[in-house]
Amino acid sequence: MLNTLFEAPRKHPTLVTIIAALLAVEGLVWLVLGILAFIAVITNGKVNVLGGSADSVNVLSVTWLVSALAALFFAWALWTLKRWAFWATLVIDLLNILSSVLLLTRPNPLYPHSIGDIVVSLIFAIFILACFLISSKVREAFAI
């Protein structure tokens, strides 16, 4: 306990700050979408700015709210340089890369209209993974 009181605060690398900020913005966007979908659910579709069916909006509201909480939690963990956040980010990005590659290599795409979104997600995941694995400042900040 005393050791933690006397430790010098670790410096935030710019890459970690940028990634945490982007994740926080993503979490806020998911939160707004989740609240809008939840409003559509509790008003039985009378106030439905998303334009989906009641069942799909119901599922989306829960999914987006959970995603928002997870993104905001991980943004906080990255911002505070929690060591487990480094490893969690690596695992999540590896899973994101795997799912993106699988979605792109399907013979019959599930979402043909969102191939661009999948490619952008893949590029971001590869960039974040590279930053976390290559940058010595990032690894040093997380005490890895």
N, C-alpha and C. Protein backbone atom coordinates (compact mmCIF):
# COMPACT_ATOMS: atom_id res chain seq x y z
N MET A 1 0.82 -1.19 0.00
CA MET A 1 0.00 0.00 0.00
C MET A 1 0.86 1.25 0.00
N LEU A 2 1.90 1.25 0.85
CA LEU A 2 2.77 2.42 0.91
C LEU A 2 3.51 2.64 -0.39
N ASN A 3 3.87 1.54 -1.08
CA ASN A 3 4.58 1.68 -2.33
C ASN A 3 3.76 2.44 -3.36
N THR A 4 2.45 2.20 -3.38
CA THR A 4 1.62 2.89 -4.36
C THR A 4 1.46 4.36 -4.03
N LEU A 5 1.60 4.73 -2.76
CA LEU A 5 1.49 6.14 -2.39
C LEU A 5 2.70 6.94 -2.84
N PHE A 6 3.84 6.28 -2.90
CA PHE A 6 5.06 7.00 -3.22
C PHE A 6 5.52 6.82 -4.66
N GLU A 7 4.78 6.06 -5.46
CA GLU A 7 5.15 5.88 -6.85
C GLU A 7 4.88 7.14 -7.64
N ALA A 8 5.77 7.42 -8.57
CA ALA A 8 5.54 8.55 -9.46
C ALA A 8 4.43 8.19 -10.44
N PRO A 9 3.55 9.14 -10.72
CA PRO A 9 2.48 8.82 -11.68
C PRO A 9 3.07 8.51 -13.05
N ARG A 10 2.48 7.50 -13.69
CA ARG A 10 2.96 7.13 -15.02
C ARG A 10 2.45 8.13 -16.04
N LYS A 11 3.27 8.41 -17.03
CA LYS A 11 2.91 9.37 -18.07
C LYS A 11 2.08 8.67 -19.14
N HIS A 12 1.05 9.36 -19.60
CA HIS A 12 0.20 8.83 -20.68
C HIS A 12 0.89 9.02 -22.02
N PRO A 13 1.17 7.93 -22.74
CA PRO A 13 1.64 8.10 -24.11
C PRO A 13 0.52 8.68 -24.97
N THR A 14 0.89 9.43 -25.96
CA THR A 14 -0.08 10.08 -26.83
C THR A 14 -1.01 9.05 -27.48
N LEU A 15 -0.46 7.92 -27.89
CA LEU A 15 -1.29 6.89 -28.54
C LEU A 15 -2.37 6.37 -27.60
N VAL A 16 -2.02 6.16 -26.34
CA VAL A 16 -3.01 5.66 -25.38
C VAL A 16 -4.08 6.72 -25.14
N THR A 17 -3.67 7.98 -25.07
CA THR A 17 -4.64 9.07 -24.88
C THR A 17 -5.61 9.13 -26.05
N ILE A 18 -5.09 9.02 -27.26
CA ILE A 18 -5.94 9.08 -28.46
C ILE A 18 -6.90 7.89 -28.49
N ILE A 19 -6.38 6.69 -28.21
CA ILE A 19 -7.23 5.50 -28.25
C ILE A 19 -8.30 5.55 -27.16
N ALA A 20 -7.93 6.00 -25.95
CA ALA A 20 -8.91 6.12 -24.87
C ALA A 20 -9.97 7.16 -25.21
N ALA A 21 -9.55 8.27 -25.82
CA ALA A 21 -10.50 9.32 -26.20
C ALA A 21 -11.47 8.82 -27.28
N LEU A 22 -10.93 8.13 -28.29
CA LEU A 22 -11.79 7.59 -29.35
C LEU A 22 -12.77 6.56 -28.79
N LEU A 23 -12.30 5.74 -27.87
CA LEU A 23 -13.17 4.75 -27.25
C LEU A 23 -14.25 5.42 -26.41
N ALA A 24 -13.91 6.51 -25.73
CA ALA A 24 -14.91 7.24 -24.95
C ALA A 24 -15.95 7.88 -25.86
N VAL A 25 -15.52 8.44 -26.99
CA VAL A 25 -16.46 9.03 -27.94
C VAL A 25 -17.37 7.93 -28.50
N GLU A 26 -16.78 6.78 -28.83
CA GLU A 26 -17.59 5.66 -29.32
C GLU A 26 -18.62 5.25 -28.26
N GLY A 27 -18.20 5.19 -27.01
CA GLY A 27 -19.12 4.84 -25.93
C GLY A 27 -20.25 5.84 -25.80
N LEU A 28 -19.94 7.12 -25.95
CA LEU A 28 -20.99 8.14 -25.87
C LEU A 28 -21.97 8.03 -27.03
N VAL A 29 -21.46 7.72 -28.22
CA VAL A 29 -22.35 7.53 -29.37
C VAL A 29 -23.27 6.34 -29.15
N TRP A 30 -22.70 5.21 -28.66
CA TRP A 30 -23.52 4.03 -28.37
C TRP A 30 -24.54 4.35 -27.29
N LEU A 31 -24.16 5.17 -26.30
CA LEU A 31 -25.08 5.54 -25.23
C LEU A 31 -26.26 6.34 -25.77
N VAL A 32 -25.99 7.31 -26.63
CA VAL A 32 -27.06 8.11 -27.22
C VAL A 32 -27.98 7.23 -28.06
N LEU A 33 -27.39 6.36 -28.90
CA LEU A 33 -28.21 5.47 -29.72
C LEU A 33 -29.02 4.51 -28.84
N GLY A 34 -28.41 4.01 -27.78
CA GLY A 34 -29.12 3.10 -26.88
C GLY A 34 -30.27 3.79 -26.18
N ILE A 35 -30.07 5.04 -25.77
CA ILE A 35 -31.15 5.79 -25.12
C ILE A 35 -32.28 6.05 -26.12
N LEU A 36 -31.94 6.42 -27.34
CA LEU A 36 -32.97 6.64 -28.37
C LEU A 36 -33.76 5.35 -28.64
N ALA A 37 -33.04 4.23 -28.73
CA ALA A 37 -33.72 2.96 -28.96
C ALA A 37 -34.57 2.58 -27.76
N PHE A 38 -34.08 2.85 -26.55
CA PHE A 38 -34.85 2.54 -25.34
C PHE A 38 -36.12 3.38 -25.28
N ILE A 39 -36.03 4.64 -25.67
CA ILE A 39 -37.21 5.51 -25.71
C ILE A 39 -38.24 4.95 -26.69
N ALA A 40 -37.74 4.45 -27.84
CA ALA A 40 -38.65 3.85 -28.82
C ALA A 40 -39.34 2.61 -28.24
N VAL A 41 -38.61 1.85 -27.43
CA VAL A 41 -39.18 0.64 -26.83
C VAL A 41 -40.25 0.99 -25.80
N ILE A 42 -39.95 1.94 -24.90
CA ILE A 42 -40.91 2.23 -23.83
C ILE A 42 -42.12 3.01 -24.32
N THR A 43 -42.01 3.63 -25.49
CA THR A 43 -43.18 4.33 -26.05
C THR A 43 -43.89 3.48 -27.09
N ASN A 44 -43.54 2.19 -27.17
CA ASN A 44 -44.13 1.26 -28.14
C ASN A 44 -44.01 1.76 -29.58
N GLY A 45 -42.92 2.36 -29.91
CA GLY A 45 -42.65 2.78 -31.27
C GLY A 45 -43.25 4.12 -31.66
N LYS A 46 -43.94 4.81 -30.75
CA LYS A 46 -44.52 6.11 -31.09
C LYS A 46 -43.42 7.15 -31.31
N VAL A 47 -42.35 7.03 -30.54
CA VAL A 47 -41.19 7.91 -30.71
C VAL A 47 -40.04 7.03 -31.16
N ASN A 48 -39.96 6.78 -32.47
CA ASN A 48 -38.95 5.87 -33.01
C ASN A 48 -38.15 6.60 -34.08
N VAL A 49 -37.06 7.23 -33.67
CA VAL A 49 -36.24 7.97 -34.63
C VAL A 49 -35.32 7.04 -35.40
N LEU A 50 -35.24 5.78 -34.98
CA LEU A 50 -34.33 4.84 -35.64
C LEU A 50 -34.98 4.14 -36.83
N GLY A 51 -36.30 4.09 -36.87
CA GLY A 51 -37.00 3.53 -38.02
C GLY A 51 -37.04 2.02 -38.09
N GLY A 52 -36.67 1.31 -37.05
CA GLY A 52 -36.69 -0.15 -37.07
C GLY A 52 -37.98 -0.70 -36.50
N SER A 53 -38.15 -2.01 -36.63
CA SER A 53 -39.32 -2.65 -36.05
C SER A 53 -39.16 -2.68 -34.53
N ALA A 54 -40.25 -2.91 -33.82
CA ALA A 54 -40.23 -2.89 -32.36
C ALA A 54 -39.29 -3.95 -31.80
N ASP A 55 -39.30 -5.14 -32.38
CA ASP A 55 -38.42 -6.21 -31.89
C ASP A 55 -36.95 -5.88 -32.10
N SER A 56 -36.61 -5.40 -33.30
CA SER A 56 -35.20 -5.10 -33.57
C SER A 56 -34.72 -3.92 -32.73
N VAL A 57 -35.57 -2.93 -32.51
CA VAL A 57 -35.19 -1.79 -31.69
C VAL A 57 -35.02 -2.22 -30.24
N ASN A 58 -35.83 -3.16 -29.78
CA ASN A 58 -35.71 -3.68 -28.42
C ASN A 58 -34.34 -4.33 -28.21
N VAL A 59 -33.93 -5.17 -29.14
CA VAL A 59 -32.62 -5.82 -29.07
C VAL A 59 -31.51 -4.78 -29.20
N LEU A 60 -31.68 -3.84 -30.11
CA LEU A 60 -30.65 -2.81 -30.31
C LEU A 60 -30.47 -1.96 -29.06
N SER A 61 -31.55 -1.64 -28.38
CA SER A 61 -31.41 -0.79 -27.20
C SER A 61 -30.54 -1.46 -26.14
N VAL A 62 -30.77 -2.73 -25.90
CA VAL A 62 -29.97 -3.46 -24.91
C VAL A 62 -28.53 -3.58 -25.40
N THR A 63 -28.35 -3.97 -26.66
CA THR A 63 -27.01 -4.15 -27.21
C THR A 63 -26.23 -2.85 -27.15
N TRP A 64 -26.83 -1.76 -27.58
CA TRP A 64 -26.12 -0.48 -27.60
C TRP A 64 -25.82 0.04 -26.20
N LEU A 65 -26.73 -0.15 -25.26
CA LEU A 65 -26.47 0.30 -23.89
C LEU A 65 -25.35 -0.51 -23.25
N VAL A 66 -25.34 -1.82 -23.46
CA VAL A 66 -24.26 -2.65 -22.93
C VAL A 66 -22.94 -2.29 -23.60
N SER A 67 -22.96 -2.09 -24.91
CA SER A 67 -21.74 -1.69 -25.63
C SER A 67 -21.23 -0.34 -25.14
N ALA A 68 -22.14 0.57 -24.86
CA ALA A 68 -21.74 1.89 -24.36
C ALA A 68 -21.05 1.78 -23.02
N LEU A 69 -21.64 1.00 -22.12
CA LEU A 69 -21.04 0.84 -20.80
C LEU A 69 -19.67 0.16 -20.89
N ALA A 70 -19.55 -0.84 -21.74
CA ALA A 70 -18.27 -1.53 -21.91
C ALA A 70 -17.22 -0.58 -22.51
N ALA A 71 -17.60 0.19 -23.53
CA ALA A 71 -16.64 1.11 -24.16
C ALA A 71 -16.19 2.19 -23.17
N LEU A 72 -17.13 2.73 -22.40
CA LEU A 72 -16.76 3.75 -21.43
C LEU A 72 -15.89 3.16 -20.31
N PHE A 73 -16.18 1.94 -19.90
CA PHE A 73 -15.38 1.27 -18.88
C PHE A 73 -13.95 1.04 -19.38
N PHE A 74 -13.81 0.54 -20.60
CA PHE A 74 -12.47 0.30 -21.15
C PHE A 74 -11.74 1.60 -21.44
N ALA A 75 -12.45 2.65 -21.83
CA ALA A 75 -11.80 3.96 -22.03
C ALA A 75 -11.23 4.45 -20.70
N TRP A 76 -12.00 4.30 -19.62
CA TRP A 76 -11.51 4.69 -18.30
C TRP A 76 -10.28 3.85 -17.91
N ALA A 77 -10.36 2.54 -18.16
CA ALA A 77 -9.25 1.65 -17.80
C ALA A 77 -7.98 2.00 -18.59
N LEU A 78 -8.14 2.32 -19.86
CA LEU A 78 -6.97 2.73 -20.65
C LEU A 78 -6.44 4.07 -20.17
N TRP A 79 -7.34 4.99 -19.86
CA TRP A 79 -6.93 6.32 -19.41
C TRP A 79 -6.15 6.24 -18.10
N THR A 80 -6.59 5.35 -17.21
CA THR A 80 -5.93 5.22 -15.91
C THR A 80 -4.78 4.21 -15.95
N LEU A 81 -4.48 3.72 -17.14
CA LEU A 81 -3.35 2.83 -17.38
C LEU A 81 -3.41 1.55 -16.54
N LYS A 82 -4.59 0.96 -16.47
CA LYS A 82 -4.74 -0.32 -15.79
C LYS A 82 -4.03 -1.38 -16.62
N ARG A 83 -3.23 -2.20 -15.96
CA ARG A 83 -2.44 -3.19 -16.69
C ARG A 83 -3.32 -4.18 -17.44
N TRP A 84 -4.43 -4.59 -16.83
CA TRP A 84 -5.32 -5.55 -17.48
C TRP A 84 -5.97 -4.96 -18.72
N ALA A 85 -6.07 -3.63 -18.79
CA ALA A 85 -6.68 -2.99 -19.97
C ALA A 85 -5.81 -3.20 -21.20
N PHE A 86 -4.49 -3.25 -21.00
CA PHE A 86 -3.58 -3.53 -22.12
C PHE A 86 -3.91 -4.89 -22.72
N TRP A 87 -3.99 -5.91 -21.85
CA TRP A 87 -4.26 -7.27 -22.33
C TRP A 87 -5.67 -7.40 -22.87
N ALA A 88 -6.63 -6.77 -22.24
CA ALA A 88 -8.01 -6.82 -22.73
C ALA A 88 -8.12 -6.17 -24.11
N THR A 89 -7.40 -5.07 -24.30
CA THR A 89 -7.41 -4.40 -25.61
C THR A 89 -6.82 -5.31 -26.68
N LEU A 90 -5.73 -5.99 -26.35
CA LEU A 90 -5.13 -6.91 -27.32
C LEU A 90 -6.10 -8.03 -27.70
N VAL A 91 -6.74 -8.62 -26.70
CA VAL A 91 -7.68 -9.72 -26.97
C VAL A 91 -8.86 -9.23 -27.80
N ILE A 92 -9.42 -8.10 -27.42
CA ILE A 92 -10.57 -7.56 -28.16
C ILE A 92 -10.20 -7.24 -29.60
N ASP A 93 -9.02 -6.65 -29.80
CA ASP A 93 -8.61 -6.33 -31.16
C ASP A 93 -8.30 -7.58 -31.98
N LEU A 94 -7.71 -8.58 -31.37
CA LEU A 94 -7.49 -9.84 -32.10
C LEU A 94 -8.82 -10.47 -32.50
N LEU A 95 -9.80 -10.46 -31.61
CA LEU A 95 -11.13 -10.99 -31.94
C LEU A 95 -11.80 -10.14 -33.02
N ASN A 96 -11.61 -8.83 -32.95
CA ASN A 96 -12.16 -7.94 -33.97
C ASN A 96 -11.54 -8.22 -35.33
N ILE A 97 -10.22 -8.42 -35.37
CA ILE A 97 -9.55 -8.74 -36.63
C ILE A 97 -10.05 -10.08 -37.17
N LEU A 98 -10.15 -11.07 -36.30
CA LEU A 98 -10.63 -12.39 -36.72
C LEU A 98 -12.05 -12.31 -37.28
N SER A 99 -12.95 -11.63 -36.58
CA SER A 99 -14.33 -11.54 -37.05
C SER A 99 -14.42 -10.74 -38.35
N SER A 100 -13.62 -9.68 -38.47
CA SER A 100 -13.64 -8.89 -39.70
C SER A 100 -13.15 -9.71 -40.89
N VAL A 101 -12.07 -10.45 -40.69
CA VAL A 101 -11.55 -11.28 -41.78
C VAL A 101 -12.57 -12.35 -42.16
N LEU A 102 -13.20 -12.97 -41.17
CA LEU A 102 -14.21 -13.99 -41.47
C LEU A 102 -15.40 -13.39 -42.21
N LEU A 103 -15.83 -12.20 -41.81
CA LEU A 103 -16.95 -11.55 -42.51
C LEU A 103 -16.58 -11.16 -43.93
N LEU A 104 -15.34 -10.75 -44.14
CA LEU A 104 -14.92 -10.34 -45.48
C LEU A 104 -14.69 -11.52 -46.41
N THR A 105 -14.34 -12.68 -45.87
CA THR A 105 -14.02 -13.83 -46.72
C THR A 105 -15.19 -14.79 -46.91
N ARG A 106 -16.34 -14.46 -46.37
CA ARG A 106 -17.53 -15.29 -46.59
C ARG A 106 -17.91 -15.28 -48.07
N PRO A 107 -18.29 -16.43 -48.62
CA PRO A 107 -18.72 -16.44 -50.03
C PRO A 107 -19.98 -15.61 -50.26
N ASN A 108 -20.93 -15.69 -49.34
CA ASN A 108 -22.15 -14.88 -49.41
C ASN A 108 -22.15 -13.95 -48.21
N PRO A 109 -21.77 -12.69 -48.41
CA PRO A 109 -21.65 -11.79 -47.26
C PRO A 109 -22.97 -11.62 -46.52
N LEU A 110 -22.88 -11.60 -45.19
CA LEU A 110 -24.08 -11.37 -44.38
C LEU A 110 -24.58 -9.95 -44.55
N TYR A 111 -23.65 -9.02 -44.63
CA TYR A 111 -23.99 -7.60 -44.71
C TYR A 111 -23.27 -6.97 -45.90
N PRO A 112 -23.76 -7.20 -47.12
CA PRO A 112 -23.03 -6.69 -48.29
C PRO A 112 -22.95 -5.17 -48.33
N HIS A 113 -23.91 -4.49 -47.71
CA HIS A 113 -23.91 -3.03 -47.73
C HIS A 113 -22.94 -2.43 -46.72
N SER A 114 -22.39 -3.25 -45.83
CA SER A 114 -21.51 -2.70 -44.80
C SER A 114 -20.07 -3.20 -44.90
N ILE A 115 -19.65 -3.58 -46.09
CA ILE A 115 -18.27 -4.05 -46.27
C ILE A 115 -17.29 -2.93 -45.96
N GLY A 116 -17.63 -1.72 -46.30
CA GLY A 116 -16.76 -0.58 -45.98
C GLY A 116 -16.58 -0.40 -44.48
N ASP A 117 -17.67 -0.58 -43.73
CA ASP A 117 -17.59 -0.49 -42.26
C ASP A 117 -16.68 -1.57 -41.69
N ILE A 118 -16.79 -2.77 -42.25
CA ILE A 118 -15.97 -3.88 -41.78
C ILE A 118 -14.49 -3.61 -42.06
N VAL A 119 -14.19 -3.07 -43.23
CA VAL A 119 -12.81 -2.74 -43.59
C VAL A 119 -12.26 -1.65 -42.67
N VAL A 120 -13.03 -0.62 -42.40
CA VAL A 120 -12.59 0.45 -41.49
C VAL A 120 -12.35 -0.11 -40.09
N SER A 121 -13.23 -0.97 -39.62
CA SER A 121 -13.06 -1.60 -38.31
C SER A 121 -11.78 -2.44 -38.29
N LEU A 122 -11.52 -3.15 -39.37
CA LEU A 122 -10.31 -3.96 -39.47
C LEU A 122 -9.06 -3.09 -39.44
N ILE A 123 -9.08 -1.98 -40.15
CA ILE A 123 -7.93 -1.07 -40.18
C ILE A 123 -7.67 -0.50 -38.79
N PHE A 124 -8.72 -0.06 -38.10
CA PHE A 124 -8.55 0.47 -36.75
C PHE A 124 -7.99 -0.59 -35.80
N ALA A 125 -8.51 -1.80 -35.88
CA ALA A 125 -8.05 -2.88 -35.00
C ALA A 125 -6.58 -3.19 -35.24
N ILE A 126 -6.17 -3.24 -36.50
CA ILE A 126 -4.77 -3.50 -36.82
C ILE A 126 -3.89 -2.36 -36.33
N PHE A 127 -4.35 -1.12 -36.51
CA PHE A 127 -3.58 0.04 -36.05
C PHE A 127 -3.40 0.01 -34.53
N ILE A 128 -4.48 -0.25 -33.80
CA ILE A 128 -4.40 -0.28 -32.33
C ILE A 128 -3.51 -1.42 -31.88
N LEU A 129 -3.66 -2.58 -32.50
CA LEU A 129 -2.82 -3.72 -32.15
C LEU A 129 -1.35 -3.42 -32.40
N ALA A 130 -1.07 -2.80 -33.53
CA ALA A 130 0.32 -2.44 -33.84
C ALA A 130 0.86 -1.43 -32.84
N CYS A 131 0.07 -0.43 -32.49
CA CYS A 131 0.51 0.56 -31.50
C CYS A 131 0.82 -0.08 -30.17
N PHE A 132 -0.03 -0.99 -29.74
CA PHE A 132 0.16 -1.61 -28.43
C PHE A 132 1.34 -2.57 -28.43
N LEU A 133 1.60 -3.24 -29.54
CA LEU A 133 2.69 -4.21 -29.58
C LEU A 133 4.03 -3.60 -29.96
N ILE A 134 4.04 -2.57 -30.80
CA ILE A 134 5.29 -2.02 -31.31
C ILE A 134 5.83 -0.90 -30.43
N SER A 135 4.96 -0.03 -29.96
CA SER A 135 5.40 1.15 -29.22
C SER A 135 5.92 0.77 -27.83
N SER A 136 7.17 1.06 -27.60
CA SER A 136 7.75 0.77 -26.28
C SER A 136 7.19 1.71 -25.22
N LYS A 137 6.80 2.92 -25.62
CA LYS A 137 6.22 3.87 -24.66
C LYS A 137 4.88 3.36 -24.13
N VAL A 138 4.09 2.76 -25.00
CA VAL A 138 2.80 2.21 -24.59
C VAL A 138 3.02 1.05 -23.62
N ARG A 139 3.91 0.14 -23.98
CA ARG A 139 4.17 -1.01 -23.11
C ARG A 139 4.77 -0.55 -21.78
N GLU A 140 5.62 0.45 -21.83
CA GLU A 140 6.23 0.99 -20.60
C GLU A 140 5.17 1.63 -19.70
N ALA A 141 4.23 2.34 -20.30
CA ALA A 141 3.18 3.01 -19.52
C ALA A 141 2.31 2.00 -18.78
N PHE A 142 2.08 0.85 -19.39
CA PHE A 142 1.27 -0.18 -18.76
C PHE A 142 2.12 -1.16 -17.94
N ALA A 143 3.40 -0.87 -17.81
CA ALA A 143 4.35 -1.69 -17.04
C ALA A 143 4.39 -3.12 -17.60
N ILE A 144 4.45 -3.25 -18.91
CA ILE A 144 4.52 -4.55 -19.57
C ILE A 144 5.96 -4.79 -20.01
